[in-house]
């Protein structure tokens, strides 16, 4: 199992618009979870699950693409696309 992790901060003036957009996106998209920071309101992370590294990298490429349905969120991000941080993670330890 691999994950693609996206992190960004939403501008306060877009909070309501962001909530409406992500509510719809989450109903249309499988394999993604969305979290907001408890210590830093307005800081969000998306966790995308992938079966292998190739799928995780495809998710990363798509999420960063302007053609992604999730790109509607980019204008709401403080700093725009330059502040959309996306990484791929693998398990730190192999199952025993």
Protein backbone atom coordinates (compact mmCIF):
# COMPACT_ATOMS: atom_id res chain seq x y z
CA UNK A 1 0.00 0.00 0.00
CA UNK A 2 1.24 3.47 -0.92
CA UNK A 3 -0.26 6.86 -0.27
CA UNK A 4 -0.11 10.15 -2.08
CA UNK A 5 -0.34 12.97 0.41
CA UNK A 6 -1.38 16.52 -0.60
CA UNK A 7 -1.08 19.42 1.86
CA UNK A 8 -2.11 23.07 1.54
CA UNK A 9 -3.65 26.02 3.40
CA UNK A 10 -6.97 27.49 2.32
CA UNK A 11 -7.46 31.24 2.40
CA UNK A 12 -10.07 32.12 5.06
CA UNK A 13 -12.26 33.99 2.58
CA UNK A 14 -12.69 30.78 0.58
CA UNK A 15 -13.57 28.52 3.53
CA UNK A 16 -17.27 28.10 2.67
CA UNK A 17 -16.59 27.70 -1.05
CA UNK A 18 -13.88 25.14 -0.24
CA UNK A 19 -16.20 23.12 2.00
CA UNK A 20 -18.89 23.00 -0.71
CA UNK A 21 -16.39 22.04 -3.43
CA UNK A 22 -14.71 19.29 -1.40
CA UNK A 23 -18.03 17.85 -0.28
CA UNK A 24 -18.89 17.31 -3.95
CA UNK A 25 -15.39 16.11 -4.90
CA UNK A 26 -15.39 13.52 -2.12
CA UNK A 27 -18.68 12.05 -3.36
CA UNK A 28 -17.24 11.78 -6.88
CA UNK A 29 -13.80 10.40 -5.95
CA UNK A 30 -12.89 7.02 -4.48
CA UNK A 31 -9.83 6.29 -2.37
CA UNK A 32 -9.27 9.75 -0.92
CA UNK A 33 -9.69 11.09 2.61
CA UNK A 34 -9.63 14.76 3.62
CA UNK A 35 -8.49 16.13 6.99
CA UNK A 36 -8.19 19.60 8.51
CA UNK A 37 -5.51 20.45 11.05
CA UNK A 38 -6.76 20.72 14.63
CA UNK A 39 -3.78 22.87 15.64
CA UNK A 40 -3.85 24.86 12.39
CA UNK A 41 -7.38 25.49 11.11
CA UNK A 42 -7.38 26.04 7.37
CA UNK A 43 -4.51 23.57 6.84
CA UNK A 44 -5.76 20.56 4.91
CA UNK A 45 -4.33 17.21 3.87
CA UNK A 46 -5.66 14.78 1.31
CA UNK A 47 -4.67 11.13 1.63
CA UNK A 48 -4.99 9.15 -1.59
CA UNK A 49 -4.54 5.35 -1.32
CA UNK A 50 -2.75 3.40 -4.04
CA UNK A 51 -1.97 -0.29 -4.54
CA UNK A 52 1.56 0.33 -5.83
CA UNK A 53 4.10 3.07 -6.43
CA UNK A 54 3.12 3.45 -10.10
CA UNK A 55 -0.50 4.15 -9.18
CA UNK A 56 0.61 6.56 -6.44
CA UNK A 57 2.75 8.48 -8.91
CA UNK A 58 -0.16 8.64 -11.39
CA UNK A 59 -2.36 10.05 -8.63
CA UNK A 60 0.33 12.62 -7.81
CA UNK A 61 0.69 13.67 -11.44
CA UNK A 62 -3.08 13.93 -11.89
CA UNK A 63 -3.59 15.85 -8.61
CA UNK A 64 -0.98 18.42 -9.67
CA UNK A 65 -2.48 18.73 -13.15
CA UNK A 66 -4.70 21.63 -14.15
CA UNK A 67 -7.06 19.11 -15.76
CA UNK A 68 -7.73 17.39 -12.43
CA UNK A 69 -11.25 17.85 -11.08
CA UNK A 70 -9.51 18.80 -7.82
CA UNK A 71 -7.78 21.75 -9.55
CA UNK A 72 -10.90 23.78 -8.77
CA UNK A 73 -9.38 24.13 -5.28
CA UNK A 74 -6.10 25.68 -6.45
CA UNK A 75 -7.32 29.31 -6.56
CA UNK A 76 -8.46 28.89 -2.94
CA UNK A 77 -4.98 27.84 -1.76
CA UNK A 78 -2.91 30.56 -0.11
CA UNK A 79 -0.04 30.98 -2.57
CA UNK A 80 -1.79 29.04 -5.36
CA UNK A 81 -0.30 25.97 -7.02
CA UNK A 82 3.18 26.76 -5.67
CA UNK A 83 1.85 26.02 -2.18
CA UNK A 84 0.16 22.73 -3.11
CA UNK A 85 2.61 20.18 -1.71
CA UNK A 86 2.20 16.58 -2.90
CA UNK A 87 4.33 13.59 -1.87
CA UNK A 88 4.19 9.81 -2.22
CA UNK A 89 4.83 7.59 0.80
CA UNK A 90 5.51 3.88 1.17
CA UNK A 91 5.33 1.73 4.29
CA UNK A 92 8.32 2.35 6.56
CA UNK A 93 8.51 -1.33 7.50
CA UNK A 94 7.63 -4.48 5.61
CA UNK A 95 4.96 -6.68 7.19
CA UNK A 96 6.55 -9.50 9.20
